[in-house]
Amino acid sequence: MAIDRIWSYASDSGHVEGQDLTGFTVVASDGTLGRVDRQADPFGMGHLVVDTGVWVFGRSVLVPVGVVTGIDPGGHRLTLACTGAEVKAAPRFQTDSETRDREYLAAVGAYFLRLVTTA
């Protein structure tokens, strides 16, 4: 998988162009992770900011949309191709300005790309 593919939805993910995923429940391969707080696509680097709440590990995480394996619009759920622990180990997301920081986004993309290409 090329690095740019981590920033685009897979053709079999169920994503529909223009679809708003805000509020959808995010499910990792080992359980519920949180909810989509917002989605963005700066520099063509599509990603979701997921609010994990206090019950998982209490912080927001940035997840490239290429990690999304399925979207259920009726159930307002989306699934990821990684575990909660793998998401937790991703480069730390701290501020909204990072969603526009190319270096930070590149580090996140490289991390998640390693996960999905070794799975």
N, C-alpha and C. Protein backbone atom coordinates (compact mmCIF):
# COMPACT_ATOMS: atom_id res chain seq x y z
N MET A 1 0.86 -1.18 0.00
CA MET A 1 0.00 0.00 0.00
C MET A 1 0.90 1.24 0.00
N ALA A 2 0.67 2.15 -0.91
CA ALA A 2 1.43 3.39 -0.98
C ALA A 2 0.99 4.32 0.14
N ILE A 3 1.90 5.18 0.58
CA ILE A 3 1.61 6.08 1.70
C ILE A 3 0.38 6.93 1.45
N ASP A 4 0.15 7.36 0.21
CA ASP A 4 -1.01 8.22 -0.06
C ASP A 4 -2.32 7.47 0.11
N ARG A 5 -2.31 6.14 0.02
CA ARG A 5 -3.54 5.36 0.17
C ARG A 5 -4.05 5.34 1.61
N ILE A 6 -3.18 5.59 2.58
CA ILE A 6 -3.61 5.59 3.97
C ILE A 6 -4.54 6.78 4.24
N TRP A 7 -4.49 7.77 3.37
CA TRP A 7 -5.28 8.99 3.55
C TRP A 7 -6.58 8.97 2.74
N SER A 8 -6.89 7.86 2.09
CA SER A 8 -8.12 7.73 1.30
C SER A 8 -8.88 6.50 1.76
N TYR A 9 -10.21 6.58 1.71
CA TYR A 9 -11.03 5.43 2.07
C TYR A 9 -10.81 4.31 1.06
N ALA A 10 -10.74 3.08 1.52
CA ALA A 10 -10.68 1.92 0.63
C ALA A 10 -12.00 1.84 -0.14
N SER A 11 -11.93 1.38 -1.37
CA SER A 11 -13.13 1.31 -2.20
C SER A 11 -14.21 0.40 -1.61
N ASP A 12 -13.81 -0.57 -0.79
CA ASP A 12 -14.78 -1.48 -0.19
C ASP A 12 -15.17 -1.12 1.25
N SER A 13 -14.84 0.11 1.68
CA SER A 13 -15.13 0.53 3.05
C SER A 13 -16.59 0.92 3.27
N GLY A 14 -17.29 1.21 2.19
CA GLY A 14 -18.67 1.65 2.32
C GLY A 14 -18.81 3.16 2.40
N HIS A 15 -17.69 3.87 2.28
CA HIS A 15 -17.73 5.34 2.36
C HIS A 15 -18.38 5.92 1.11
N VAL A 16 -19.21 6.92 1.33
CA VAL A 16 -19.86 7.65 0.24
C VAL A 16 -19.33 9.08 0.29
N GLU A 17 -18.88 9.59 -0.85
CA GLU A 17 -18.35 10.95 -0.93
C GLU A 17 -19.31 11.94 -0.29
N GLY A 18 -18.79 12.81 0.56
CA GLY A 18 -19.60 13.82 1.22
C GLY A 18 -20.29 13.33 2.48
N GLN A 19 -20.12 12.07 2.81
CA GLN A 19 -20.76 11.48 3.99
C GLN A 19 -20.17 12.09 5.27
N ASP A 20 -21.03 12.53 6.17
CA ASP A 20 -20.60 13.08 7.45
C ASP A 20 -20.58 11.97 8.49
N LEU A 21 -19.41 11.67 9.00
CA LEU A 21 -19.25 10.59 9.98
C LEU A 21 -19.19 11.10 11.41
N THR A 22 -19.37 12.39 11.61
CA THR A 22 -19.36 12.97 12.95
C THR A 22 -20.40 12.27 13.82
N GLY A 23 -19.97 11.83 15.00
CA GLY A 23 -20.86 11.16 15.93
C GLY A 23 -20.91 9.65 15.77
N PHE A 24 -20.35 9.11 14.69
CA PHE A 24 -20.34 7.66 14.50
C PHE A 24 -19.49 7.00 15.58
N THR A 25 -19.92 5.82 16.04
CA THR A 25 -19.15 5.02 16.97
C THR A 25 -17.99 4.38 16.21
N VAL A 26 -16.80 4.42 16.79
CA VAL A 26 -15.61 3.84 16.17
C VAL A 26 -15.27 2.55 16.89
N VAL A 27 -15.18 1.46 16.12
CA VAL A 27 -14.91 0.15 16.68
C VAL A 27 -13.58 -0.37 16.14
N ALA A 28 -12.64 -0.61 17.04
CA ALA A 28 -11.36 -1.23 16.67
C ALA A 28 -11.60 -2.73 16.58
N SER A 29 -10.59 -3.47 16.13
CA SER A 29 -10.76 -4.91 15.97
C SER A 29 -11.01 -5.62 17.30
N ASP A 30 -10.71 -4.96 18.41
CA ASP A 30 -10.91 -5.59 19.72
C ASP A 30 -11.95 -4.88 20.59
N GLY A 31 -12.75 -4.01 20.01
CA GLY A 31 -13.81 -3.38 20.78
C GLY A 31 -14.01 -1.90 20.46
N THR A 32 -15.00 -1.33 21.11
CA THR A 32 -15.35 0.07 20.88
C THR A 32 -14.24 1.00 21.36
N LEU A 33 -13.91 1.96 20.53
CA LEU A 33 -12.82 2.89 20.80
C LEU A 33 -13.33 4.27 21.21
N GLY A 34 -14.41 4.72 20.60
CA GLY A 34 -14.93 6.06 20.90
C GLY A 34 -15.88 6.51 19.81
N ARG A 35 -15.93 7.84 19.60
CA ARG A 35 -16.81 8.43 18.59
C ARG A 35 -16.04 9.43 17.74
N VAL A 36 -16.46 9.56 16.49
CA VAL A 36 -15.84 10.54 15.59
C VAL A 36 -16.25 11.93 16.07
N ASP A 37 -15.25 12.73 16.41
CA ASP A 37 -15.49 14.10 16.84
C ASP A 37 -15.56 15.03 15.62
N ARG A 38 -14.69 14.78 14.65
CA ARG A 38 -14.68 15.56 13.42
C ARG A 38 -13.86 14.84 12.36
N GLN A 39 -14.03 15.28 11.12
CA GLN A 39 -13.27 14.71 10.02
C GLN A 39 -12.69 15.86 9.21
N ALA A 40 -11.55 15.62 8.58
CA ALA A 40 -10.88 16.66 7.82
C ALA A 40 -10.09 16.03 6.67
N ASP A 41 -9.68 16.88 5.73
CA ASP A 41 -8.93 16.41 4.57
C ASP A 41 -7.92 17.47 4.10
N PRO A 42 -7.09 18.00 5.02
CA PRO A 42 -6.10 18.99 4.58
C PRO A 42 -5.02 18.33 3.73
N PHE A 43 -4.60 18.99 2.70
CA PHE A 43 -3.53 18.50 1.82
C PHE A 43 -3.88 17.15 1.20
N GLY A 44 -5.17 16.78 1.13
CA GLY A 44 -5.56 15.48 0.62
C GLY A 44 -5.28 14.34 1.59
N MET A 45 -5.09 14.68 2.86
CA MET A 45 -4.78 13.69 3.90
C MET A 45 -6.02 13.50 4.77
N GLY A 46 -6.97 12.70 4.28
CA GLY A 46 -8.23 12.48 4.98
C GLY A 46 -8.03 11.74 6.29
N HIS A 47 -8.63 12.28 7.35
CA HIS A 47 -8.51 11.65 8.66
C HIS A 47 -9.70 11.97 9.54
N LEU A 48 -9.81 11.20 10.59
CA LEU A 48 -10.86 11.38 11.60
C LEU A 48 -10.20 11.71 12.92
N VAL A 49 -10.80 12.61 13.68
CA VAL A 49 -10.37 12.84 15.05
C VAL A 49 -11.39 12.11 15.90
N VAL A 50 -10.90 11.12 16.65
CA VAL A 50 -11.77 10.25 17.44
C VAL A 50 -11.63 10.61 18.92
N ASP A 51 -12.75 10.91 19.54
CA ASP A 51 -12.80 11.18 20.98
C ASP A 51 -12.98 9.84 21.68
N THR A 52 -11.96 9.43 22.43
CA THR A 52 -12.01 8.13 23.08
C THR A 52 -12.73 8.19 24.42
N GLY A 53 -13.06 9.40 24.89
CA GLY A 53 -13.72 9.52 26.19
C GLY A 53 -12.80 9.06 27.30
N VAL A 54 -13.33 8.96 28.49
CA VAL A 54 -12.48 8.57 29.63
C VAL A 54 -12.41 7.07 29.81
N TRP A 55 -13.30 6.32 29.16
CA TRP A 55 -13.33 4.89 29.44
C TRP A 55 -12.27 4.09 28.70
N VAL A 56 -11.66 4.60 27.65
CA VAL A 56 -10.62 3.84 26.96
C VAL A 56 -9.26 4.32 27.43
N PHE A 57 -8.80 5.45 26.92
CA PHE A 57 -7.56 6.01 27.40
C PHE A 57 -7.62 7.52 27.46
N GLY A 58 -8.82 8.07 27.41
CA GLY A 58 -9.08 9.45 27.74
C GLY A 58 -8.42 10.53 26.93
N ARG A 59 -8.34 10.35 25.64
CA ARG A 59 -7.79 11.41 24.81
C ARG A 59 -8.34 11.28 23.40
N SER A 60 -8.13 12.31 22.62
CA SER A 60 -8.50 12.24 21.22
C SER A 60 -7.34 11.66 20.43
N VAL A 61 -7.65 10.97 19.36
CA VAL A 61 -6.63 10.40 18.48
C VAL A 61 -6.96 10.75 17.04
N LEU A 62 -5.93 10.86 16.23
CA LEU A 62 -6.10 11.13 14.82
C LEU A 62 -5.90 9.82 14.07
N VAL A 63 -6.88 9.45 13.25
CA VAL A 63 -6.84 8.18 12.53
C VAL A 63 -7.01 8.44 11.03
N PRO A 64 -6.03 8.04 10.21
CA PRO A 64 -6.19 8.19 8.77
C PRO A 64 -7.37 7.36 8.27
N VAL A 65 -8.11 7.88 7.28
CA VAL A 65 -9.31 7.18 6.81
C VAL A 65 -9.00 5.88 6.09
N GLY A 66 -7.76 5.66 5.68
CA GLY A 66 -7.38 4.41 5.04
C GLY A 66 -7.41 3.22 5.98
N VAL A 67 -7.54 3.47 7.29
CA VAL A 67 -7.61 2.41 8.29
C VAL A 67 -9.06 1.94 8.48
N VAL A 68 -10.01 2.71 7.94
CA VAL A 68 -11.42 2.35 8.05
C VAL A 68 -11.71 1.17 7.14
N THR A 69 -12.26 0.09 7.71
CA THR A 69 -12.57 -1.11 6.92
C THR A 69 -14.05 -1.25 6.61
N GLY A 70 -14.89 -0.54 7.35
CA GLY A 70 -16.32 -0.65 7.09
C GLY A 70 -17.09 0.49 7.72
N ILE A 71 -18.14 0.91 7.03
CA ILE A 71 -19.01 1.97 7.54
C ILE A 71 -20.45 1.47 7.48
N ASP A 72 -21.13 1.54 8.61
CA ASP A 72 -22.53 1.15 8.71
C ASP A 72 -23.35 2.40 8.98
N PRO A 73 -23.89 3.04 7.92
CA PRO A 73 -24.64 4.29 8.11
C PRO A 73 -25.87 4.12 8.98
N GLY A 74 -26.57 3.00 8.86
CA GLY A 74 -27.77 2.76 9.65
C GLY A 74 -27.48 2.62 11.13
N GLY A 75 -26.36 1.98 11.45
CA GLY A 75 -25.97 1.77 12.84
C GLY A 75 -25.07 2.87 13.37
N HIS A 76 -24.72 3.83 12.51
CA HIS A 76 -23.81 4.92 12.88
C HIS A 76 -22.52 4.38 13.51
N ARG A 77 -21.92 3.38 12.82
CA ARG A 77 -20.69 2.75 13.30
C ARG A 77 -19.69 2.64 12.15
N LEU A 78 -18.43 2.71 12.51
CA LEU A 78 -17.39 2.40 11.54
C LEU A 78 -16.35 1.54 12.22
N THR A 79 -15.72 0.67 11.44
CA THR A 79 -14.73 -0.25 11.99
C THR A 79 -13.34 0.08 11.45
N LEU A 80 -12.34 -0.25 12.25
CA LEU A 80 -10.95 0.01 11.90
C LEU A 80 -10.18 -1.29 11.74
N ALA A 81 -9.10 -1.25 11.00
CA ALA A 81 -8.25 -2.41 10.76
C ALA A 81 -7.12 -2.51 11.77
N CYS A 82 -7.36 -2.07 12.99
CA CYS A 82 -6.32 -2.13 14.02
C CYS A 82 -6.98 -2.24 15.39
N THR A 83 -6.17 -2.54 16.39
CA THR A 83 -6.68 -2.69 17.75
C THR A 83 -6.68 -1.34 18.48
N GLY A 84 -7.35 -1.30 19.59
CA GLY A 84 -7.33 -0.11 20.42
C GLY A 84 -5.93 0.22 20.91
N ALA A 85 -5.17 -0.81 21.26
CA ALA A 85 -3.79 -0.60 21.73
C ALA A 85 -2.92 0.00 20.63
N GLU A 86 -3.13 -0.45 19.40
CA GLU A 86 -2.36 0.10 18.28
C GLU A 86 -2.71 1.57 18.05
N VAL A 87 -3.98 1.90 18.17
CA VAL A 87 -4.39 3.30 18.04
C VAL A 87 -3.78 4.12 19.18
N LYS A 88 -3.81 3.58 20.37
CA LYS A 88 -3.26 4.27 21.54
C LYS A 88 -1.77 4.55 21.36
N ALA A 89 -1.05 3.66 20.70
CA ALA A 89 0.39 3.81 20.51
C ALA A 89 0.76 4.75 19.36
N ALA A 90 -0.23 5.27 18.65
CA ALA A 90 0.02 6.18 17.52
C ALA A 90 0.63 7.49 18.02
N PRO A 91 1.28 8.23 17.13
CA PRO A 91 1.81 9.54 17.55
C PRO A 91 0.72 10.35 18.24
N ARG A 92 1.05 10.90 19.36
CA ARG A 92 0.08 11.59 20.23
C ARG A 92 -0.52 12.82 19.56
N PHE A 93 -1.83 12.92 19.64
CA PHE A 93 -2.58 14.07 19.13
C PHE A 93 -2.88 14.98 20.31
N GLN A 94 -2.49 16.26 20.19
CA GLN A 94 -2.69 17.17 21.31
C GLN A 94 -3.53 18.40 20.96
N THR A 95 -3.32 18.96 19.77
CA THR A 95 -4.02 20.20 19.43
C THR A 95 -4.58 20.14 18.01
N ASP A 96 -5.61 20.94 17.78
CA ASP A 96 -6.21 21.00 16.45
C ASP A 96 -5.24 21.48 15.38
N SER A 97 -4.24 22.27 15.77
CA SER A 97 -3.29 22.76 14.77
C SER A 97 -2.52 21.60 14.13
N GLU A 98 -2.42 20.48 14.83
CA GLU A 98 -1.71 19.31 14.28
C GLU A 98 -2.43 18.73 13.08
N THR A 99 -3.74 18.97 12.98
CA THR A 99 -4.48 18.43 11.84
C THR A 99 -4.09 19.16 10.55
N ARG A 100 -3.31 20.24 10.68
CA ARG A 100 -2.83 20.98 9.52
C ARG A 100 -1.29 20.98 9.45
N ASP A 101 -0.66 20.17 10.26
CA ASP A 101 0.80 20.09 10.32
C ASP A 101 1.26 18.89 9.48
N ARG A 102 1.88 19.18 8.34
CA ARG A 102 2.28 18.11 7.42
C ARG A 102 3.22 17.09 8.07
N GLU A 103 4.15 17.55 8.90
CA GLU A 103 5.09 16.62 9.54
C GLU A 103 4.37 15.66 10.47
N TYR A 104 3.48 16.20 11.27
CA TYR A 104 2.72 15.36 12.19
C TYR A 104 1.86 14.36 11.41
N LEU A 105 1.16 14.85 10.39
CA LEU A 105 0.32 13.96 9.58
C LEU A 105 1.15 12.88 8.90
N ALA A 106 2.34 13.23 8.42
CA ALA A 106 3.21 12.23 7.79
C ALA A 106 3.63 11.16 8.79
N ALA A 107 3.93 11.56 10.03
CA ALA A 107 4.32 10.59 11.07
C ALA A 107 3.15 9.66 11.38
N VAL A 108 1.95 10.22 11.50
CA VAL A 108 0.76 9.40 11.76
C VAL A 108 0.51 8.45 10.60
N GLY A 109 0.61 8.95 9.38
CA GLY A 109 0.39 8.12 8.20
C GLY A 109 1.37 6.97 8.12
N ALA A 110 2.65 7.25 8.38
CA ALA A 110 3.67 6.20 8.34
C ALA A 110 3.41 5.14 9.41
N TYR A 111 2.99 5.57 10.60
CA TYR A 111 2.69 4.62 11.68
C TYR A 111 1.55 3.69 11.28
N PHE A 112 0.43 4.25 10.84
CA PHE A 112 -0.72 3.42 10.50
C PHE A 112 -0.48 2.60 9.23
N LEU A 113 0.30 3.10 8.31
CA LEU A 113 0.63 2.34 7.10
C LEU A 113 1.37 1.05 7.47
N ARG A 114 2.29 1.14 8.43
CA ARG A 114 3.01 -0.07 8.88
C ARG A 114 2.02 -1.10 9.45
N LEU A 115 1.01 -0.61 10.17
CA LEU A 115 0.03 -1.53 10.76
C LEU A 115 -0.76 -2.27 9.70
N VAL A 116 -1.27 -1.54 8.72
CA VAL A 116 -2.16 -2.17 7.75
C VAL A 116 -1.41 -2.97 6.68
N THR A 117 -0.13 -2.70 6.49
CA THR A 117 0.61 -3.48 5.49
C THR A 117 1.20 -4.75 6.11
N THR A 118 1.28 -4.83 7.44
CA THR A 118 1.79 -6.04 8.08
C THR A 118 0.66 -6.93 8.59
N ALA A 119 -0.56 -6.45 8.50
CA ALA A 119 -1.70 -7.23 9.00
C ALA A 119 -2.04 -8.38 8.09
